[in-house]
C-alpha atoms as a PDB file:
ATOM      1  CA  MET A   1       0.000   0.000   0.000  1.00  0.00           C
ATOM      2  CA  GLN A   2       1.474   3.316  -1.047  1.00  0.00           C
ATOM      3  CA  GLY A   3       0.841   6.579   0.717  1.00  0.00           C
ATOM      4  CA  THR A   4      -0.427   9.588  -1.104  1.00  0.00           C
ATOM      5  CA  THR A   5       1.639  12.724  -1.288  1.00  0.00           C
ATOM      6  CA  SER A   6      -0.149  15.945  -0.570  1.00  0.00           C
ATOM      7  CA  THR A   7       1.065  19.470  -1.059  1.00  0.00           C
ATOM      8  CA  GLN A   8       0.335  21.839   1.778  1.00  0.00           C
ATOM      9  CA  PHE A   9      -0.675  25.368   0.962  1.00  0.00           C
ATOM     10  CA  SER A  10       1.906  27.961   1.886  1.00  0.00           C
ATOM     11  CA  ALA A  11       0.937  31.607   1.658  1.00  0.00           C
ATOM     12  CA  ALA A  12       4.597  32.622   1.460  1.00  0.00           C
ATOM     13  CA  GLY A  13       5.203  30.134  -1.333  1.00  0.00           C
ATOM     14  CA  ALA A  14       2.161  31.320  -3.253  1.00  0.00           C
ATOM     15  CA  GLY A  15       3.275  34.928  -2.826  1.00  0.00           C
ATOM     16  CA  GLY A  16       6.741  34.029  -4.051  1.00  0.00           C
ATOM     17  CA  VAL A  17       5.352  32.366  -7.168  1.00  0.00           C
ATOM     18  CA  LEU A  18       3.092  35.352  -7.828  1.00  0.00           C
ATOM     19  CA  LEU A  19       5.933  37.837  -7.352  1.00  0.00           C
ATOM     20  CA  ALA A  20       8.384  35.860  -9.492  1.00  0.00           C
ATOM     21  CA  VAL A  21       5.976  35.630 -12.420  1.00  0.00           C
ATOM     22  CA  LEU A  22       5.090  39.316 -12.094  1.00  0.00           C
ATOM     23  CA  VAL A  23       8.737  40.456 -12.061  1.00  0.00           C
ATOM     24  CA  VAL A  24       9.630  38.300 -15.063  1.00  0.00           C
ATOM     25  CA  CYS A  25       6.659  39.551 -17.068  1.00  0.00           C
ATOM     26  CA  VAL A  26       7.372  43.201 -16.247  1.00  0.00           C
ATOM     27  CA  ALA A  27      11.031  42.769 -17.242  1.00  0.00           C
ATOM     28  CA  VAL A  28      10.137  41.047 -20.517  1.00  0.00           C
ATOM     29  CA  GLY A  29       7.467  43.670 -21.226  1.00  0.00           C
ATOM     30  CA  ALA A  30       9.934  46.483 -20.546  1.00  0.00           C
ATOM     31  CA  LEU A  31      12.488  44.918 -22.896  1.00  0.00           C
ATOM     32  CA  ILE A  32       9.924  44.481 -25.638  1.00  0.00           C
ATOM     33  CA  GLY A  33       8.638  48.009 -25.039  1.00  0.00           C
ATOM     34  CA  TRP A  34      12.169  49.399 -25.099  1.00  0.00           C
ATOM     35  CA  ALA A  35      12.821  47.659 -28.419  1.00  0.00           C
ATOM     36  CA  ALA A  36       9.553  49.076 -29.776  1.00  0.00           C
ATOM     37  CA  GLY A  37      10.337  52.575 -28.522  1.00  0.00           C
ATOM     38  CA  SER A  38       8.477  52.884 -25.208  1.00  0.00           C
ATOM     39  CA  GLY A  39       9.810  50.962 -22.221  1.00  0.00           C
ATOM     40  CA  PRO A  40       7.273  52.238 -19.665  1.00  0.00           C
ATOM     41  CA  ILE A  41       4.306  51.200 -21.813  1.00  0.00           C
ATOM     42  CA  GLY A  42       5.869  47.761 -22.246  1.00  0.00           C
ATOM     43  CA  ALA A  43       6.421  47.471 -18.503  1.00  0.00           C
ATOM     44  CA  LEU A  44       2.788  48.417 -17.886  1.00  0.00           C
ATOM     45  CA  LEU A  45       1.550  45.788 -20.323  1.00  0.00           C
ATOM     46  CA  GLY A  46       3.975  43.306 -18.774  1.00  0.00           C
ATOM     47  CA  ALA A  47       2.496  44.060 -15.347  1.00  0.00           C
ATOM     48  CA  VAL A  48      -1.020  43.379 -16.603  1.00  0.00           C
ATOM     49  CA  PHE A  49       0.029  40.065 -18.125  1.00  0.00           C
ATOM     50  CA  GLY A  50       2.175  39.344 -15.069  1.00  0.00           C
ATOM     51  CA  ILE A  51      -0.754  39.656 -12.682  1.00  0.00           C
ATOM     52  CA  LEU A  52      -2.855  37.340 -14.813  1.00  0.00           C
ATOM     53  CA  GLY A  53       0.045  34.936 -15.321  1.00  0.00           C
ATOM     54  CA  GLY A  54       0.844  34.960 -11.604  1.00  0.00           C
ATOM     55  CA  ILE A  55      -2.723  34.098 -10.698  1.00  0.00           C
ATOM     56  CA  PHE A  56      -2.651  31.261 -13.215  1.00  0.00           C
ATOM     57  CA  ALA A  57       0.698  29.985 -11.904  1.00  0.00           C
ATOM     58  CA  VAL A  58      -0.522  29.974  -8.288  1.00  0.00           C
ATOM     59  CA  TYR A  59      -3.714  28.228  -9.345  1.00  0.00           C
ATOM     60  CA  ARG A  60      -1.723  25.566 -11.210  1.00  0.00           C
ATOM     61  CA  ARG A  61       0.616  25.095  -8.237  1.00  0.00           C
ATOM     62  CA  TYR A  62      -1.897  25.117  -5.379  1.00  0.00           C
ATOM     63  CA  GLY A  63      -5.337  24.849  -6.981  1.00  0.00           C
ATOM     64  CA  THR A  64      -5.456  21.090  -7.477  1.00  0.00           C
ATOM     65  CA  MET A  65      -5.667  20.243  -3.782  1.00  0.00           C
ATOM     66  CA  SER A  66      -8.603  18.283  -2.418  1.00  0.00           C
END
């Protein structure tokens, strides 16, 4: 008989995942915006996608618990 492995929810871990995805998306957005001629607009768009991507990443990491 094998035991089941369960992942415990960690608010600090979820916040870290959210922050990491947000920072990466803002940086990528700023680089794309800089290449297109407007870094701040790219960073703003990166932040929007980063918030949505962070929520998705936290859901994928912690949302499948029973």
